[in-house]
Amino acid sequence: MLNNPTQPEEGVMATLNVNGREISATEIGPVTHVFSSIGVFAVKARHHGFYSSDQLVIFKEPSIKGDPAVYCACCQVKSIQLNRQPITEVTRGQEVGVKTNCVLLPPNNAQVFLVTN
């Protein structure tokens, strides 16, 4: 769950509590589409880029304040594709397909964060 959730601006760090462990992270952007048949989701890198070796936290806030998180997972990036071509680096502004080691795929509009600690 997010501690003191705010709309992060570019370069603003967030502190996330994932399974009782505090994690420093930078927001990348939202999940824009889920491809469940191939276990991949698309993310729009609005705020920050990332690499194919990075660790991500994906978080979907509850629709009602006080409810537990709808989705929260810490995942390792396995591969990234841009226009169906493999890449190793995502830059700000790109929308890419991401495959991770997460068993459950995130919902649309979940926020993707880059773990920085």
PDB file of N, CA and C in Angstrom:
ATOM      1  N   MET A   1       0.829  -1.182   0.000  1.00  0.00           N
ATOM      2  CA  MET A   1       0.000   0.000   0.000  1.00  0.00           C
ATOM      3  C   MET A   1       0.873   1.244   0.000  1.00  0.00           C
ATOM      4  N   LEU A   2       0.396   2.279  -0.567  1.00  0.00           N
ATOM      5  CA  LEU A   2       1.128   3.544  -0.576  1.00  0.00           C
ATOM      6  C   LEU A   2       0.991   4.230   0.772  1.00  0.00           C
ATOM      7  N   ASN A   3       2.089   4.779   1.260  1.00  0.00           N
ATOM      8  CA  ASN A   3       2.033   5.619   2.442  1.00  0.00           C
ATOM      9  C   ASN A   3       1.835   7.044   1.960  1.00  0.00           C
ATOM     10  N   ASN A   4       0.818   7.748   2.482  1.00  0.00           N
ATOM     11  CA  ASN A   4       0.512   9.111   2.074  1.00  0.00           C
ATOM     12  C   ASN A   4       0.444   9.238   0.555  1.00  0.00           C
ATOM     13  N   PRO A   5      -0.500   8.553  -0.091  1.00  0.00           N
ATOM     14  CA  PRO A   5      -0.551   8.592  -1.543  1.00  0.00           C
ATOM     15  C   PRO A   5      -0.738  10.003  -2.070  1.00  0.00           C
ATOM     16  N   THR A   6       0.053  10.346  -3.063  1.00  0.00           N
ATOM     17  CA  THR A   6      -0.053  11.629  -3.742  1.00  0.00           C
ATOM     18  C   THR A   6       0.136  11.367  -5.217  1.00  0.00           C
ATOM     19  N   GLN A   7      -0.140  12.344  -6.025  1.00  0.00           N
ATOM     20  CA  GLN A   7       0.148  12.228  -7.449  1.00  0.00           C
ATOM     21  C   GLN A   7       1.611  12.604  -7.632  1.00  0.00           C
ATOM     22  N   PRO A   8       2.524  11.614  -7.799  1.00  0.00           N
ATOM     23  CA  PRO A   8       3.928  11.945  -7.927  1.00  0.00           C
ATOM     24  C   PRO A   8       4.214  12.762  -9.181  1.00  0.00           C
ATOM     25  N   GLU A   9       5.119  13.720  -9.049  1.00  0.00           N
ATOM     26  CA  GLU A   9       5.591  14.475 -10.196  1.00  0.00           C
ATOM     27  C   GLU A   9       6.872  13.805 -10.673  1.00  0.00           C
ATOM     28  N   GLU A  10       7.361  14.228 -11.798  1.00  0.00           N
ATOM     29  CA  GLU A  10       8.577  13.643 -12.336  1.00  0.00           C
ATOM     30  C   GLU A  10       9.693  13.727 -11.301  1.00  0.00           C
ATOM     31  N   GLY A  11      10.372  12.593 -11.073  1.00  0.00           N
ATOM     32  CA  GLY A  11      11.496  12.554 -10.163  1.00  0.00           C
ATOM     33  C   GLY A  11      11.123  12.441  -8.696  1.00  0.00           C
ATOM     34  N   VAL A  12       9.839  12.473  -8.342  1.00  0.00           N
ATOM     35  CA  VAL A  12       9.423  12.381  -6.949  1.00  0.00           C
ATOM     36  C   VAL A  12       9.410  10.918  -6.525  1.00  0.00           C
ATOM     37  N   MET A  13      10.005  10.668  -5.387  1.00  0.00           N
ATOM     38  CA  MET A  13      10.064   9.314  -4.850  1.00  0.00           C
ATOM     39  C   MET A  13       8.808   9.025  -4.037  1.00  0.00           C
ATOM     40  N   ALA A  14       8.405   7.763  -4.024  1.00  0.00           N
ATOM     41  CA  ALA A  14       7.287   7.318  -3.201  1.00  0.00           C
ATOM     42  C   ALA A  14       7.815   6.258  -2.246  1.00  0.00           C
ATOM     43  N   THR A  15       7.222   6.166  -1.067  1.00  0.00           N
ATOM     44  CA  THR A  15       7.555   5.092  -0.141  1.00  0.00           C
ATOM     45  C   THR A  15       6.389   4.125  -0.153  1.00  0.00           C
ATOM     46  N   LEU A  16       6.668   2.875  -0.516  1.00  0.00           N
ATOM     47  CA  LEU A  16       5.639   1.851  -0.616  1.00  0.00           C
ATOM     48  C   LEU A  16       5.844   0.834   0.491  1.00  0.00           C
ATOM     49  N   ASN A  17       4.761   0.312   1.014  1.00  0.00           N
ATOM     50  CA  ASN A  17       4.822  -0.747   2.015  1.00  0.00           C
ATOM     51  C   ASN A  17       4.288  -2.005   1.352  1.00  0.00           C
ATOM     52  N   VAL A  18       5.186  -2.915   1.001  1.00  0.00           N
ATOM     53  CA  VAL A  18       4.813  -4.155   0.326  1.00  0.00           C
ATOM     54  C   VAL A  18       5.076  -5.310   1.276  1.00  0.00           C
ATOM     55  N   ASN A  19       4.011  -5.946   1.726  1.00  0.00           N
ATOM     56  CA  ASN A  19       4.109  -7.075   2.655  1.00  0.00           C
ATOM     57  C   ASN A  19       4.955  -6.743   3.880  1.00  0.00           C
ATOM     58  N   GLY A  20       4.750  -5.551   4.445  1.00  0.00           N
ATOM     59  CA  GLY A  20       5.449  -5.145   5.654  1.00  0.00           C
ATOM     60  C   GLY A  20       6.857  -4.617   5.431  1.00  0.00           C
ATOM     61  N   ARG A  21       7.302  -4.536   4.194  1.00  0.00           N
ATOM     62  CA  ARG A  21       8.647  -4.060   3.875  1.00  0.00           C
ATOM     63  C   ARG A  21       8.544  -2.715   3.170  1.00  0.00           C
ATOM     64  N   GLU A  22       9.226  -1.697   3.707  1.00  0.00           N
ATOM     65  CA  GLU A  22       9.201  -0.375   3.081  1.00  0.00           C
ATOM     66  C   GLU A  22      10.162  -0.354   1.907  1.00  0.00           C
ATOM     67  N   ILE A  23       9.665   0.156   0.788  1.00  0.00           N
ATOM     68  CA  ILE A  23      10.444   0.197  -0.448  1.00  0.00           C
ATOM     69  C   ILE A  23      10.407   1.615  -1.002  1.00  0.00           C
ATOM     70  N   SER A  24      11.582   2.142  -1.352  1.00  0.00           N
ATOM     71  CA  SER A  24      11.654   3.436  -2.038  1.00  0.00           C
ATOM     72  C   SER A  24      11.502   3.176  -3.525  1.00  0.00           C
ATOM     73  N   ALA A  25      10.662   3.981  -4.174  1.00  0.00           N
ATOM     74  CA  ALA A  25      10.396   3.746  -5.585  1.00  0.00           C
ATOM     75  C   ALA A  25      10.072   5.056  -6.286  1.00  0.00           C
ATOM     76  N   THR A  26      10.236   5.051  -7.606  1.00  0.00           N
ATOM     77  CA  THR A  26       9.901   6.181  -8.450  1.00  0.00           C
ATOM     78  C   THR A  26       8.805   5.742  -9.406  1.00  0.00           C
ATOM     79  N   GLU A  27       7.778   6.574  -9.561  1.00  0.00           N
ATOM     80  CA  GLU A  27       6.678   6.200 -10.438  1.00  0.00           C
ATOM     81  C   GLU A  27       7.131   6.188 -11.894  1.00  0.00           C
ATOM     82  N   ILE A  28       6.741   5.143 -12.617  1.00  0.00           N
ATOM     83  CA  ILE A  28       7.001   5.037 -14.052  1.00  0.00           C
ATOM     84  C   ILE A  28       5.777   5.507 -14.817  1.00  0.00           C
ATOM     85  N   GLY A  29       4.620   4.913 -14.530  1.00  0.00           N
ATOM     86  CA  GLY A  29       3.385   5.263 -15.234  1.00  0.00           C
ATOM     87  C   GLY A  29       2.351   4.160 -15.082  1.00  0.00           C
ATOM     88  N   PRO A  30       1.225   4.290 -15.775  1.00  0.00           N
ATOM     89  CA  PRO A  30       0.132   3.344 -15.603  1.00  0.00           C
ATOM     90  C   PRO A  30       0.204   2.132 -16.533  1.00  0.00           C
ATOM     91  N   VAL A  31      -0.439   1.055 -16.088  1.00  0.00           N
ATOM     92  CA  VAL A  31      -0.695  -0.091 -16.954  1.00  0.00           C
ATOM     93  C   VAL A  31      -1.807   0.336 -17.905  1.00  0.00           C
ATOM     94  N   THR A  32      -1.561   0.226 -19.205  1.00  0.00           N
ATOM     95  CA  THR A  32      -2.551   0.682 -20.176  1.00  0.00           C
ATOM     96  C   THR A  32      -3.337  -0.451 -20.816  1.00  0.00           C
ATOM     97  N   HIS A  33      -2.803  -1.666 -20.774  1.00  0.00           N
ATOM     98  CA  HIS A  33      -3.508  -2.810 -21.353  1.00  0.00           C
ATOM     99  C   HIS A  33      -2.915  -4.092 -20.782  1.00  0.00           C
ATOM    100  N   VAL A  34      -3.753  -5.114 -20.664  1.00  0.00           N
ATOM    101  CA  VAL A  34      -3.306  -6.414 -20.175  1.00  0.00           C
ATOM    102  C   VAL A  34      -3.580  -7.457 -21.257  1.00  0.00           C
ATOM    103  N   PHE A  35      -2.545  -8.208 -21.601  1.00  0.00           N
ATOM    104  CA  PHE A  35      -2.646  -9.281 -22.589  1.00  0.00           C
ATOM    105  C   PHE A  35      -2.559 -10.609 -21.837  1.00  0.00           C
ATOM    106  N   SER A  36      -3.679 -11.035 -21.262  1.00  0.00           N
ATOM    107  CA  SER A  36      -3.679 -12.195 -20.375  1.00  0.00           C
ATOM    108  C   SER A  36      -3.296 -13.492 -21.083  1.00  0.00           C
ATOM    109  N   SER A  37      -3.614 -13.619 -22.367  1.00  0.00           N
ATOM    110  CA  SER A  37      -3.318 -14.869 -23.071  1.00  0.00           C
ATOM    111  C   SER A  37      -1.817 -15.117 -23.215  1.00  0.00           C
ATOM    112  N   ILE A  38      -1.000 -14.060 -23.179  1.00  0.00           N
ATOM    113  CA  ILE A  38       0.449 -14.233 -23.283  1.00  0.00           C
ATOM    114  C   ILE A  38       1.193 -13.774 -22.031  1.00  0.00           C
ATOM    115  N   GLY A  39       0.466 -13.396 -20.985  1.00  0.00           N
ATOM    116  CA  GLY A  39       1.075 -13.024 -19.713  1.00  0.00           C
ATOM    117  C   GLY A  39       1.897 -11.755 -19.753  1.00  0.00           C
ATOM    118  N   VAL A  40       1.406 -10.753 -20.486  1.00  0.00           N
ATOM    119  CA  VAL A  40       2.136  -9.503 -20.681  1.00  0.00           C
ATOM    120  C   VAL A  40       1.197  -8.334 -20.396  1.00  0.00           C
ATOM    121  N   PHE A  41       1.766  -7.220 -19.924  1.00  0.00           N
ATOM    122  CA  PHE A  41       0.979  -6.001 -19.787  1.00  0.00           C
ATOM    123  C   PHE A  41       1.733  -4.849 -20.433  1.00  0.00           C
ATOM    124  N   ALA A  42       0.985  -3.838 -20.861  1.00  0.00           N
ATOM    125  CA  ALA A  42       1.583  -2.643 -21.450  1.00  0.00           C
ATOM    126  C   ALA A  42       1.649  -1.553 -20.394  1.00  0.00           C
ATOM    127  N   VAL A  43       2.744  -0.811 -20.395  1.00  0.00           N
ATOM    128  CA  VAL A  43       2.903   0.304 -19.466  1.00  0.00           C
ATOM    129  C   VAL A  43       3.370   1.522 -20.256  1.00  0.00           C
ATOM    130  N   LYS A  44       2.816   2.668 -19.906  1.00  0.00           N
ATOM    131  CA  LYS A  44       3.203   3.947 -20.510  1.00  0.00           C
ATOM    132  C   LYS A  44       4.186   4.620 -19.556  1.00  0.00           C
ATOM    133  N   ALA A  45       5.425   4.759 -19.982  1.00  0.00           N
ATOM    134  CA  ALA A  45       6.468   5.351 -19.134  1.00  0.00           C
ATOM    135  C   ALA A  45       6.342   6.873 -19.156  1.00  0.00           C
ATOM    136  N   ARG A  46       5.409   7.385 -18.385  1.00  0.00           N
ATOM    137  CA  ARG A  46       5.152   8.838 -18.359  1.00  0.00           C
ATOM    138  C   ARG A  46       6.180   9.613 -17.552  1.00  0.00           C
ATOM    139  N   HIS A  47       6.633   9.020 -16.449  1.00  0.00           N
ATOM    140  CA  HIS A  47       7.466   9.760 -15.500  1.00  0.00           C
ATOM    141  C   HIS A  47       8.929   9.334 -15.464  1.00  0.00           C
ATOM    142  N   HIS A  48       9.212   8.086 -15.820  1.00  0.00           N
ATOM    143  CA  HIS A  48      10.559   7.563 -15.636  1.00  0.00           C
ATOM    144  C   HIS A  48      10.731   6.330 -16.510  1.00  0.00           C
ATOM    145  N   GLY A  49      11.952   6.063 -16.971  1.00  0.00           N
ATOM    146  CA  GLY A  49      12.248   4.865 -17.739  1.00  0.00           C
ATOM    147  C   GLY A  49      12.712   3.735 -16.837  1.00  0.00           C
ATOM    148  N   PHE A  50      13.041   2.572 -17.450  1.00  0.00           N
ATOM    149  CA  PHE A  50      13.548   1.434 -16.688  1.00  0.00           C
ATOM    150  C   PHE A  50      14.265   0.476 -17.627  1.00  0.00           C
ATOM    151  N   TYR A  51      14.942  -0.519 -17.044  1.00  0.00           N
ATOM    152  CA  TYR A  51      15.711  -1.510 -17.796  1.00  0.00           C
ATOM    153  C   TYR A  51      15.104  -2.895 -17.634  1.00  0.00           C
ATOM    154  N   SER A  52      15.535  -3.806 -18.527  1.00  0.00           N
ATOM    155  CA  SER A  52      14.993  -5.165 -18.495  1.00  0.00           C
ATOM    156  C   SER A  52      15.443  -5.957 -17.267  1.00  0.00           C
ATOM    157  N   SER A  53      16.406  -5.452 -16.517  1.00  0.00           N
ATOM    158  CA  SER A  53      16.877  -6.143 -15.310  1.00  0.00           C
ATOM    159  C   SER A  53      16.294  -5.551 -14.027  1.00  0.00           C
ATOM    160  N   ASP A  54      15.426  -4.548 -14.141  1.00  0.00           N
ATOM    161  CA  ASP A  54      14.919  -3.833 -12.967  1.00  0.00           C
ATOM    162  C   ASP A  54      13.809  -4.576 -12.236  1.00  0.00           C
ATOM    163  N   GLN A  55      13.605  -4.155 -10.986  1.00  0.00           N
ATOM    164  CA  GLN A  55      12.513  -4.667 -10.173  1.00  0.00           C
ATOM    165  C   GLN A  55      11.430  -3.604 -10.108  1.00  0.00           C
ATOM    166  N   LEU A  56      10.182  -4.036 -10.270  1.00  0.00           N
ATOM    167  CA  LEU A  56       9.047  -3.116 -10.278  1.00  0.00           C
ATOM    168  C   LEU A  56       8.091  -3.436  -9.144  1.00  0.00           C
ATOM    169  N   VAL A  57       7.388  -2.419  -8.671  1.00  0.00           N
ATOM    170  CA  VAL A  57       6.247  -2.601  -7.780  1.00  0.00           C
ATOM    171  C   VAL A  57       5.039  -2.077  -8.542  1.00  0.00           C
ATOM    172  N   ILE A  58       4.001  -2.884  -8.593  1.00  0.00           N
ATOM    173  CA  ILE A  58       2.782  -2.502  -9.304  1.00  0.00           C
ATOM    174  C   ILE A  58       1.669  -2.406  -8.276  1.00  0.00           C
ATOM    175  N   PHE A  59       0.970  -1.269  -8.285  1.00  0.00           N
ATOM    176  CA  PHE A  59       0.012  -0.967  -7.230  1.00  0.00           C
ATOM    177  C   PHE A  59      -1.262  -0.382  -7.814  1.00  0.00           C
ATOM    178  N   LYS A  60      -2.391  -0.910  -7.414  1.00  0.00           N
ATOM    179  CA  LYS A  60      -3.704  -0.367  -7.795  1.00  0.00           C
ATOM    180  C   LYS A  60      -4.391   0.050  -6.514  1.00  0.00           C
ATOM    181  N   GLU A  61      -4.669   1.347  -6.388  1.00  0.00           N
ATOM    182  CA  GLU A  61      -5.312   1.864  -5.178  1.00  0.00           C
ATOM    183  C   GLU A  61      -6.774   1.436  -5.122  1.00  0.00           C
ATOM    184  N   PRO A  62      -7.300   1.295  -3.924  1.00  0.00           N
ATOM    185  CA  PRO A  62      -8.716   0.947  -3.788  1.00  0.00           C
ATOM    186  C   PRO A  62      -9.615   2.089  -4.238  1.00  0.00           C
ATOM    187  N   SER A  63     -10.803   1.747  -4.672  1.00  0.00           N
ATOM    188  CA  SER A  63     -11.740   2.785  -5.103  1.00  0.00           C
ATOM    189  C   SER A  63     -12.402   3.476  -3.919  1.00  0.00           C
ATOM    190  N   ILE A  64     -12.420   2.818  -2.751  1.00  0.00           N
ATOM    191  CA  ILE A  64     -13.002   3.391  -1.533  1.00  0.00           C
ATOM    192  C   ILE A  64     -11.882   3.557  -0.517  1.00  0.00           C
ATOM    193  N   LYS A  65     -11.721   4.776   0.007  1.00  0.00           N
ATOM    194  CA  LYS A  65     -10.656   5.047   0.971  1.00  0.00           C
ATOM    195  C   LYS A  65     -10.792   4.125   2.182  1.00  0.00           C
ATOM    196  N   GLY A  66      -9.665   3.547   2.605  1.00  0.00           N
ATOM    197  CA  GLY A  66      -9.653   2.669   3.768  1.00  0.00           C
ATOM    198  C   GLY A  66      -9.688   1.194   3.415  1.00  0.00           C
ATOM    199  N   ASP A  67     -10.105   0.869   2.176  1.00  0.00           N
ATOM    200  CA  ASP A  67     -10.083  -0.527   1.744  1.00  0.00           C
ATOM    201  C   ASP A  67      -8.638  -0.937   1.479  1.00  0.00           C
ATOM    202  N   PRO A  68      -8.353  -2.239   1.567  1.00  0.00           N
ATOM    203  CA  PRO A  68      -6.999  -2.678   1.229  1.00  0.00           C
ATOM    204  C   PRO A  68      -6.736  -2.491  -0.268  1.00  0.00           C
ATOM    205  N   ALA A  69      -5.482  -2.532  -0.643  1.00  0.00           N
ATOM    206  CA  ALA A  69      -5.111  -2.367  -2.052  1.00  0.00           C
ATOM    207  C   ALA A  69      -5.806  -3.413  -2.909  1.00  0.00           C
ATOM    208  N   VAL A  70      -6.237  -3.005  -4.073  1.00  0.00           N
ATOM    209  CA  VAL A  70      -6.853  -3.924  -5.011  1.00  0.00           C
ATOM    210  C   VAL A  70      -5.796  -4.863  -5.576  1.00  0.00           C
ATOM    211  N   TYR A  71      -4.588  -4.342  -5.824  1.00  0.00           N
ATOM    212  CA  TYR A  71      -3.502  -5.141  -6.374  1.00  0.00           C
ATOM    213  C   TYR A  71      -2.190  -4.533  -5.915  1.00  0.00           C
ATOM    214  N   CYS A  72      -1.281  -5.368  -5.455  1.00  0.00           N
ATOM    215  CA  CYS A  72       0.046  -4.907  -5.061  1.00  0.00           C
ATOM    216  C   CYS A  72       1.013  -6.066  -5.255  1.00  0.00           C
ATOM    217  N   ALA A  73       2.039  -5.864  -6.069  1.00  0.00           N
ATOM    218  CA  ALA A  73       3.006  -6.932  -6.321  1.00  0.00           C
ATOM    219  C   ALA A  73       4.379  -6.349  -6.589  1.00  0.00           C
ATOM    220  N   CYS A  74       5.389  -7.079  -6.160  1.00  0.00           N
ATOM    221  CA  CYS A  74       6.776  -6.741  -6.440  1.00  0.00           C
ATOM    222  C   CYS A  74       7.257  -7.761  -7.471  1.00  0.00           C
ATOM    223  N   CYS A  75       7.698  -7.294  -8.651  1.00  0.00           N
ATOM    224  CA  CYS A  75       8.013  -8.184  -9.765  1.00  0.00           C
ATOM    225  C   CYS A  75       9.370  -7.862 -10.371  1.00  0.00           C
ATOM    226  N   GLN A  76       9.995  -8.889 -10.914  1.00  0.00           N
ATOM    227  CA  GLN A  76      11.239  -8.732 -11.660  1.00  0.00           C
ATOM    228  C   GLN A  76      10.908  -8.712 -13.152  1.00  0.00           C
ATOM    229  N   VAL A  77      11.440  -7.733 -13.877  1.00  0.00           N
ATOM    230  CA  VAL A  77      11.220  -7.657 -15.320  1.00  0.00           C
ATOM    231  C   VAL A  77      11.974  -8.812 -15.984  1.00  0.00           C
ATOM    232  N   LYS A  78      11.267  -9.556 -16.838  1.00  0.00           N
ATOM    233  CA  LYS A  78      11.905 -10.645 -17.591  1.00  0.00           C
ATOM    234  C   LYS A  78      12.220 -10.215 -19.016  1.00  0.00           C
ATOM    235  N   SER A  79      11.316  -9.466 -19.643  1.00  0.00           N
ATOM    236  CA  SER A  79      11.564  -8.976 -21.000  1.00  0.00           C
ATOM    237  C   SER A  79      10.676  -7.774 -21.297  1.00  0.00           C
ATOM    238  N   ILE A  80      11.117  -6.991 -22.294  1.00  0.00           N
ATOM    239  CA  ILE A  80      10.397  -5.787 -22.714  1.00  0.00           C
ATOM    240  C   ILE A  80      10.355  -5.785 -24.242  1.00  0.00           C
ATOM    241  N   GLN A  81       9.218  -5.368 -24.788  1.00  0.00           N
ATOM    242  CA  GLN A  81       9.115  -5.212 -26.238  1.00  0.00           C
ATOM    243  C   GLN A  81       8.512  -3.862 -26.590  1.00  0.00           C
ATOM    244  N   LEU A  82       9.025  -3.283 -27.661  1.00  0.00           N
ATOM    245  CA  LEU A  82       8.500  -2.054 -28.239  1.00  0.00           C
ATOM    246  C   LEU A  82       8.203  -2.365 -29.698  1.00  0.00           C
ATOM    247  N   ASN A  83       6.952  -2.231 -30.108  1.00  0.00           N
ATOM    248  CA  ASN A  83       6.535  -2.572 -31.471  1.00  0.00           C
ATOM    249  C   ASN A  83       6.953  -3.992 -31.855  1.00  0.00           C
ATOM    250  N   ARG A  84       6.751  -4.924 -30.919  1.00  0.00           N
ATOM    251  CA  ARG A  84       7.035  -6.355 -31.096  1.00  0.00           C
ATOM    252  C   ARG A  84       8.517  -6.685 -31.284  1.00  0.00           C
ATOM    253  N   GLN A  85       9.389  -5.751 -30.926  1.00  0.00           N
ATOM    254  CA  GLN A  85      10.833  -5.966 -30.997  1.00  0.00           C
ATOM    255  C   GLN A  85      11.408  -5.909 -29.583  1.00  0.00           C
ATOM    256  N   PRO A  86      12.256  -6.880 -29.209  1.00  0.00           N
ATOM    257  CA  PRO A  86      12.844  -6.859 -27.866  1.00  0.00           C
ATOM    258  C   PRO A  86      13.755  -5.655 -27.665  1.00  0.00           C
ATOM    259  N   ILE A  87      13.658  -5.050 -26.485  1.00  0.00           N
ATOM    260  CA  ILE A  87      14.537  -3.951 -26.099  1.00  0.00           C
ATOM    261  C   ILE A  87      14.992  -4.186 -24.669  1.00  0.00           C
ATOM    262  N   THR A  88      16.042  -3.486 -24.245  1.00  0.00           N
ATOM    263  CA  THR A  88      16.545  -3.637 -22.869  1.00  0.00           C
ATOM    264  C   THR A  88      16.359  -2.384 -22.034  1.00  0.00           C
ATOM    265  N   GLU A  89      16.027  -1.259 -22.688  1.00  0.00           N
ATOM    266  CA  GLU A  89      15.861   0.004 -21.975  1.00  0.00           C
ATOM    267  C   GLU A  89      14.597   0.723 -22.448  1.00  0.00           C
ATOM    268  N   VAL A  90      13.811   1.207 -21.480  1.00  0.00           N
ATOM    269  CA  VAL A  90      12.615   1.997 -21.772  1.00  0.00           C
ATOM    270  C   VAL A  90      12.918   3.430 -21.379  1.00  0.00           C
ATOM    271  N   THR A  91      12.624   4.357 -22.276  1.00  0.00           N
ATOM    272  CA  THR A  91      12.815   5.766 -21.955  1.00  0.00           C
ATOM    273  C   THR A  91      11.458   6.420 -21.726  1.00  0.00           C
ATOM    274  N   ARG A  92      11.504   7.512 -21.017  1.00  0.00           N
ATOM    275  CA  ARG A  92      10.285   8.263 -20.704  1.00  0.00           C
ATOM    276  C   ARG A  92       9.522   8.576 -21.988  1.00  0.00           C
ATOM    277  N   GLY A  93       8.205   8.328 -21.982  1.00  0.00           N
ATOM    278  CA  GLY A  93       7.354   8.599 -23.127  1.00  0.00           C
ATOM    279  C   GLY A  93       7.002   7.365 -23.939  1.00  0.00           C
ATOM    280  N   GLN A  94       7.748   6.285 -23.791  1.00  0.00           N
ATOM    281  CA  GLN A  94       7.465   5.071 -24.556  1.00  0.00           C
ATOM    282  C   GLN A  94       6.350   4.255 -23.914  1.00  0.00           C
ATOM    283  N   GLU A  95       5.587   3.549 -24.728  1.00  0.00           N
ATOM    284  CA  GLU A  95       4.605   2.570 -24.247  1.00  0.00           C
ATOM    285  C   GLU A  95       5.101   1.209 -24.709  1.00  0.00           C
ATOM    286  N   VAL A  96       5.326   0.318 -23.754  1.00  0.00           N
ATOM    287  CA  VAL A  96       5.970  -0.968 -24.041  1.00  0.00           C
ATOM    288  C   VAL A  96       5.197  -2.126 -23.442  1.00  0.00           C
ATOM    289  N   GLY A  97       5.453  -3.314 -23.980  1.00  0.00           N
ATOM    290  CA  GLY A  97       4.941  -4.550 -23.402  1.00  0.00           C
ATOM    291  C   GLY A  97       5.968  -5.103 -22.438  1.00  0.00           C
ATOM    292  N   VAL A  98       5.518  -5.534 -21.262  1.00  0.00           N
ATOM    293  CA  VAL A  98       6.425  -6.013 -20.217  1.00  0.00           C
ATOM    294  C   VAL A  98       5.986  -7.397 -19.753  1.00  0.00           C
ATOM    295  N   LYS A  99       6.946  -8.299 -19.677  1.00  0.00           N
ATOM    296  CA  LYS A  99       6.719  -9.621 -19.098  1.00  0.00           C
ATOM    297  C   LYS A  99       7.527  -9.670 -17.808  1.00  0.00           C
ATOM    298  N   THR A 100       6.881 -10.091 -16.718  1.00  0.00           N
ATOM    299  CA  THR A 100       7.558 -10.172 -15.421  1.00  0.00           C
ATOM    300  C   THR A 100       7.412 -11.580 -14.858  1.00  0.00           C
ATOM    301  N   ASN A 101       7.954 -11.776 -13.666  1.00  0.00           N
ATOM    302  CA  ASN A 101       7.813 -13.057 -12.990  1.00  0.00           C
ATOM    303  C   ASN A 101       6.559 -13.116 -12.115  1.00  0.00           C
ATOM    304  N   CYS A 102       5.686 -12.110 -12.196  1.00  0.00           N
ATOM    305  CA  CYS A 102       4.446 -12.111 -11.409  1.00  0.00           C
ATOM    306  C   CYS A 102       3.489 -13.184 -11.914  1.00  0.00           C
ATOM    307  N   VAL A 103       2.864 -13.875 -10.989  1.00  0.00           N
ATOM    308  CA  VAL A 103       1.903 -14.908 -11.355  1.00  0.00           C
ATOM    309  C   VAL A 103       0.594 -14.274 -11.821  1.00  0.00           C
ATOM    310  N   LEU A 104       0.132 -13.262 -11.091  1.00  0.00           N
ATOM    311  CA  LEU A 104      -1.093 -12.558 -11.459  1.00  0.00           C
ATOM    312  C   LEU A 104      -0.756 -11.268 -12.192  1.00  0.00           C
ATOM    313  N   LEU A 105      -1.405 -11.039 -13.307  1.00  0.00           N
ATOM    314  CA  LEU A 105      -1.181  -9.807 -14.053  1.00  0.00           C
ATOM    315  C   LEU A 105      -1.900  -8.649 -13.368  1.00  0.00           C
ATOM    316  N   PRO A 106      -1.353  -7.441 -13.484  1.00  0.00           N
ATOM    317  CA  PRO A 106      -1.996  -6.285 -12.850  1.00  0.00           C
ATOM    318  C   PRO A 106      -3.239  -5.862 -13.619  1.00  0.00           C
ATOM    319  N   PRO A 107      -4.144  -5.153 -12.956  1.00  0.00           N
ATOM    320  CA  PRO A 107      -5.320  -4.624 -13.664  1.00  0.00           C
ATOM    321  C   PRO A 107      -4.947  -3.375 -14.458  1.00  0.00           C
ATOM    322  N   ASN A 108      -5.785  -3.025 -15.413  1.00  0.00           N
ATOM    323  CA  ASN A 108      -5.610  -1.768 -16.141  1.00  0.00           C
ATOM    324  C   ASN A 108      -5.600  -0.614 -15.156  1.00  0.00           C
ATOM    325  N   ASN A 109      -4.842   0.409 -15.454  1.00  0.00           N
ATOM    326  CA  ASN A 109      -4.708   1.632 -14.661  1.00  0.00           C
ATOM    327  C   ASN A 109      -3.952   1.456 -13.347  1.00  0.00           C
ATOM    328  N   ALA A 110      -3.390   0.273 -13.083  1.00  0.00           N
ATOM    329  CA  ALA A 110      -2.511   0.120 -11.926  1.00  0.00           C
ATOM    330  C   ALA A 110      -1.274   0.976 -12.178  1.00  0.00           C
ATOM    331  N   GLN A 111      -0.667   1.496 -11.125  1.00  0.00           N
ATOM    332  CA  GLN A 111       0.531   2.322 -11.259  1.00  0.00           C
ATOM    333  C   GLN A 111       1.782   1.442 -11.127  1.00  0.00           C
ATOM    334  N   VAL A 112       2.738   1.668 -12.003  1.00  0.00           N
ATOM    335  CA  VAL A 112       3.993   0.914 -12.008  1.00  0.00           C
ATOM    336  C   VAL A 112       5.088   1.812 -11.441  1.00  0.00           C
ATOM    337  N   PHE A 113       5.852   1.261 -10.507  1.00  0.00           N
ATOM    338  CA  PHE A 113       6.938   1.983  -9.853  1.00  0.00           C
ATOM    339  C   PHE A 113       8.242   1.225 -10.041  1.00  0.00           C
ATOM    340  N   LEU A 114       9.343   1.949 -10.140  1.00  0.00           N
ATOM    341  CA  LEU A 114      10.684   1.384 -10.210  1.00  0.00           C
ATOM    342  C   LEU A 114      11.257   1.348  -8.807  1.00  0.00           C
ATOM    343  N   VAL A 115      11.671   0.156  -8.350  1.00  0.00           N
ATOM    344  CA  VAL A 115      12.279   0.019  -7.024  1.00  0.00           C
ATOM    345  C   VAL A 115      13.666   0.639  -7.064  1.00  0.00           C
ATOM    346  N   THR A 116      13.948   1.527  -6.103  1.00  0.00           N
ATOM    347  CA  THR A 116      15.237   2.231  -6.078  1.00  0.00           C
ATOM    348  C   THR A 116      16.103   1.861  -4.889  1.00  0.00           C
ATOM    349  N   ASN A 117      15.641   0.963  -4.019  1.00  0.00           N
ATOM    350  CA  ASN A 117      16.503   0.535  -2.898  1.00  0.00           C
ATOM    351  C   ASN A 117      16.594  -0.946  -2.825  1.00  0.00           C
TER     352      ASN A 117
END
